[in-house]
């Protein structure tokens, strides 16, 4: 029986370091998982509110640029009168009183 007792003592002594190693590995694994969870909580998340604000800001910029371009076009057309006369000019017909410098020419090639 002494061999059996020696075997039991030896197996308990050998099992203790392996059990300690397993428990140490479990503790390390738990610590790593906790660190991962904490890191994911600390990382900035892509929430929809920030994306919505970016979309609204871009739409505001597009709208502002559209209105400024309309204003610039209106100012250009206000100061450049010839566009109005060129649109309604008929070389064959009656003279346009709003644009006296554009005289009718009945001899024009489009007149019959």
Protein backbone atom coordinates (compact mmCIF):
# COMPACT_ATOMS: atom_id res chain seq x y z
CA UNK A 1 0.00 0.00 0.00
CA UNK A 2 2.88 2.27 0.33
CA UNK A 3 3.15 2.43 -3.42
CA UNK A 4 -0.48 3.40 -3.64
CA UNK A 5 -0.05 6.10 -0.99
CA UNK A 6 3.03 7.37 -2.77
CA UNK A 7 1.07 7.45 -6.00
CA UNK A 8 -1.80 9.36 -4.37
CA UNK A 9 0.58 11.83 -2.76
CA UNK A 10 2.44 12.26 -6.01
CA UNK A 11 -0.78 12.73 -8.00
CA UNK A 12 -2.07 15.33 -5.54
CA UNK A 13 1.22 17.19 -5.68
CA UNK A 14 1.23 17.08 -9.47
CA UNK A 15 -2.43 18.09 -9.70
CA UNK A 16 -2.00 21.15 -7.51
CA UNK A 17 0.29 23.04 -9.91
CA UNK A 18 -1.88 22.14 -12.89
CA UNK A 19 -5.01 23.28 -11.03
CA UNK A 20 -3.25 26.47 -10.06
CA UNK A 21 -2.19 26.98 -13.65
CA UNK A 22 -5.74 26.40 -14.90
CA UNK A 23 -7.16 28.84 -12.36
CA UNK A 24 -4.48 31.38 -13.26
CA UNK A 25 -5.34 31.00 -16.96
CA UNK A 26 -9.03 31.44 -16.17
CA UNK A 27 -8.26 34.61 -14.20
CA UNK A 28 -6.15 35.93 -17.07
CA UNK A 29 -8.91 35.14 -19.55
CA UNK A 30 -11.49 36.94 -17.39
CA UNK A 31 -9.19 39.96 -17.08
CA UNK A 32 -8.65 40.07 -20.86
CA UNK A 33 -12.39 39.87 -21.51
CA UNK A 34 -13.05 42.67 -19.02
CA UNK A 35 -10.39 44.81 -20.68
CA UNK A 36 -11.94 44.15 -24.10
CA UNK A 37 -15.40 45.11 -22.87
CA UNK A 38 -14.05 48.27 -21.28
CA UNK A 39 -12.20 49.20 -24.48
CA UNK A 40 -15.32 48.72 -26.59
CA UNK A 41 -17.26 50.93 -24.18
CA UNK A 42 -14.58 53.63 -24.39
CA UNK A 43 -14.38 53.63 -28.20
CA UNK A 44 -16.63 56.20 -29.87
CA UNK A 45 -19.67 54.56 -31.36
CA UNK A 46 -21.16 55.54 -34.72
CA UNK A 47 -24.50 56.70 -33.51
CA UNK A 48 -27.24 57.90 -35.82
CA UNK A 49 -27.49 61.32 -34.20
CA UNK A 50 -24.05 62.41 -35.44
CA UNK A 51 -24.73 61.07 -38.93
CA UNK A 52 -28.08 62.85 -38.98
CA UNK A 53 -26.41 66.11 -37.99
CA UNK A 54 -23.85 65.67 -40.77
CA UNK A 55 -26.60 65.08 -43.33
CA UNK A 56 -28.53 68.13 -42.15
CA UNK A 57 -25.38 70.27 -42.27
CA UNK A 58 -24.62 69.16 -45.83
CA UNK A 59 -28.20 69.88 -46.91
CA UNK A 60 -27.94 73.34 -45.34
CA UNK A 61 -24.77 74.03 -47.33
CA UNK A 62 -26.37 72.84 -50.57
CA UNK A 63 -29.45 74.97 -49.92
CA UNK A 64 -27.36 78.03 -49.10
CA UNK A 65 -25.25 77.65 -52.24
CA UNK A 66 -28.42 77.26 -54.34
CA UNK A 67 -29.98 80.44 -52.94
CA UNK A 68 -26.75 82.41 -53.36
CA UNK A 69 -26.50 81.26 -56.98
CA UNK A 70 -30.13 82.31 -57.61
CA UNK A 71 -29.38 85.70 -56.07
CA UNK A 72 -26.24 86.12 -58.23
CA UNK A 73 -28.16 85.11 -61.36
CA UNK A 74 -30.95 87.57 -60.57
CA UNK A 75 -28.45 90.39 -60.01
CA UNK A 76 -26.67 89.55 -63.28
CA UNK A 77 -29.93 89.52 -65.24
CA UNK A 78 -31.05 92.76 -63.59
CA UNK A 79 -27.89 94.61 -64.63
CA UNK A 80 -27.66 92.97 -68.07
CA UNK A 81 -30.77 94.17 -69.90
CA UNK A 82 -30.00 92.67 -73.29
CA UNK A 83 -31.12 89.20 -72.27
CA UNK A 84 -34.71 90.42 -72.01
CA UNK A 85 -34.63 92.07 -75.40
CA UNK A 86 -32.92 89.13 -77.10
CA UNK A 87 -35.59 86.71 -75.93
CA UNK A 88 -38.54 88.66 -77.22
CA UNK A 89 -36.92 90.20 -80.31
CA UNK A 90 -38.66 89.62 -83.63
CA UNK A 91 -36.67 91.04 -86.55
CA UNK A 92 -39.67 90.86 -88.87
CA UNK A 93 -42.30 92.42 -86.65
CA UNK A 94 -42.97 95.63 -84.81
CA UNK A 95 -40.19 97.41 -82.94
CA UNK A 96 -39.79 96.55 -79.29
CA UNK A 97 -40.30 99.79 -77.38
CA UNK A 98 -38.47 98.49 -74.32
CA UNK A 99 -35.34 97.88 -76.40
CA UNK A 100 -35.14 100.72 -78.94
CA UNK A 101 -31.60 99.82 -80.05
CA UNK A 102 -32.90 96.57 -81.53
CA UNK A 103 -34.47 97.72 -84.80
CA UNK A 104 -36.70 95.43 -86.87
CA UNK A 105 -35.22 94.41 -90.21
CA UNK A 106 -37.93 93.20 -92.59
CA UNK A 107 -35.22 92.15 -95.07
CA UNK A 108 -33.96 89.50 -92.61
CA UNK A 109 -33.61 86.03 -94.13
CA UNK A 110 -36.26 84.56 -91.82
CA UNK A 111 -38.87 87.12 -92.91
CA UNK A 112 -41.13 86.18 -95.85
